[in-house]
Amino acid sequence: MEPLIWLFYALLVAGMLLILVGFLVMAFSGLRRGGEAEAGGVLMIGPLPIIFGSSPEAAKKASLLALLLMLLFFFFVLALRLVGVSTGI
């Protein structure tokens, strides 16, 4: 297989594991604090984020996550172009 295909699958598995770990952390923190937990998230549609949160603090954390995800997207596309792979963007 090509190295980019391996990279795709590695990132896919890493993303799934991060989702699972995040879910478990939220579940156990809610149990430990007596059922109170804050939640926030980022829905990425291409490079554009949709940010949501249950409190202003959670929304701020989600905003930082959105910024990080946009930077990762930018550097990933830049790296692909430097390698010579057409991204269609």
Protein backbone atom coordinates (compact mmCIF):
# COMPACT_ATOMS: atom_id res chain seq x y z
CA MET A 1 0.00 0.00 0.00
CA GLU A 2 1.01 3.57 -0.54
CA PRO A 3 2.31 5.53 2.46
CA LEU A 4 -0.56 8.04 2.19
CA ILE A 5 -3.12 5.26 2.49
CA TRP A 6 -1.39 4.02 5.65
CA LEU A 7 -1.42 7.60 6.96
CA PHE A 8 -5.14 7.87 6.23
CA TYR A 9 -5.93 4.68 8.13
CA ALA A 10 -3.65 5.65 11.01
CA LEU A 11 -5.37 9.03 11.34
CA LEU A 12 -8.79 7.38 11.10
CA VAL A 13 -7.99 4.95 13.92
CA ALA A 14 -6.41 7.73 16.00
CA GLY A 15 -9.54 9.85 15.58
CA MET A 16 -11.80 7.00 16.66
CA LEU A 17 -9.63 6.35 19.71
CA LEU A 18 -9.68 10.04 20.65
CA ILE A 19 -13.47 10.08 20.43
CA LEU A 20 -13.66 7.01 22.66
CA VAL A 21 -11.21 8.45 25.20
CA GLY A 22 -13.09 11.77 25.25
CA PHE A 23 -16.38 10.00 25.84
CA LEU A 24 -14.92 7.98 28.70
CA VAL A 25 -13.31 11.03 30.31
CA MET A 26 -16.60 12.93 30.16
CA ALA A 27 -18.55 9.99 31.57
CA PHE A 28 -16.18 9.40 34.48
CA SER A 29 -15.76 13.10 35.30
CA GLY A 30 -19.54 13.42 35.51
CA LEU A 31 -19.72 10.51 37.92
CA ARG A 32 -16.90 11.87 40.06
CA ARG A 33 -18.36 15.39 40.34
CA GLY A 34 -21.85 14.30 41.25
CA GLY A 35 -23.39 14.34 37.80
CA GLU A 36 -22.36 17.85 36.76
CA ALA A 37 -20.31 18.12 33.61
CA GLU A 38 -19.70 20.66 30.90
CA ALA A 39 -19.61 19.69 27.28
CA GLY A 40 -18.45 21.40 24.15
CA GLY A 41 -17.46 20.38 20.71
CA VAL A 42 -16.47 21.29 17.22
CA LEU A 43 -18.06 20.06 14.02
CA MET A 44 -15.64 20.57 11.15
CA ILE A 45 -17.17 20.92 7.69
CA GLY A 46 -14.07 21.07 5.57
CA PRO A 47 -11.93 23.82 7.08
CA LEU A 48 -14.93 25.63 8.62
CA PRO A 49 -15.80 24.97 12.28
CA ILE A 50 -19.19 24.92 13.96
CA ILE A 51 -18.58 25.43 17.68
CA PHE A 52 -20.99 24.54 20.47
CA GLY A 53 -20.84 24.27 24.24
CA SER A 54 -23.04 23.93 27.30
CA SER A 55 -21.36 26.90 29.00
CA PRO A 56 -19.17 29.84 27.98
CA GLU A 57 -16.09 28.07 29.37
CA ALA A 58 -16.81 24.93 27.33
CA ALA A 59 -17.35 27.07 24.22
CA LYS A 60 -13.96 28.77 24.78
CA LYS A 61 -12.26 25.39 25.01
CA ALA A 62 -14.07 24.25 21.87
CA SER A 63 -12.91 27.43 20.10
CA LEU A 64 -9.30 26.58 20.90
CA LEU A 65 -9.90 23.09 19.58
CA ALA A 66 -11.38 24.55 16.39
CA LEU A 67 -8.32 26.74 15.90
CA LEU A 68 -6.04 23.75 16.37
CA LEU A 69 -8.06 21.66 13.91
CA MET A 70 -8.00 24.42 11.28
CA LEU A 71 -4.22 24.74 11.64
CA LEU A 72 -3.79 20.97 11.33
CA PHE A 73 -5.97 20.96 8.22
CA PHE A 74 -3.94 23.79 6.70
CA PHE A 75 -0.60 22.09 7.39
CA PHE A 76 -1.87 18.73 6.16
CA VAL A 77 -3.00 20.24 2.84
CA LEU A 78 0.26 22.18 2.57
CA ALA A 79 2.28 19.01 3.20
CA LEU A 80 0.31 17.13 0.55
CA ARG A 81 0.93 19.89 -1.99
CA LEU A 82 4.64 19.93 -1.20
CA VAL A 83 4.76 16.17 -1.79
CA GLY A 84 2.94 16.68 -5.07
CA VAL A 85 -0.41 15.08 -4.29
CA SER A 86 -3.43 16.84 -5.77
CA THR A 87 -5.93 17.66 -3.02
CA GLY A 88 -8.72 19.09 -5.14
CA ILE A 89 -8.77 22.23 -2.98
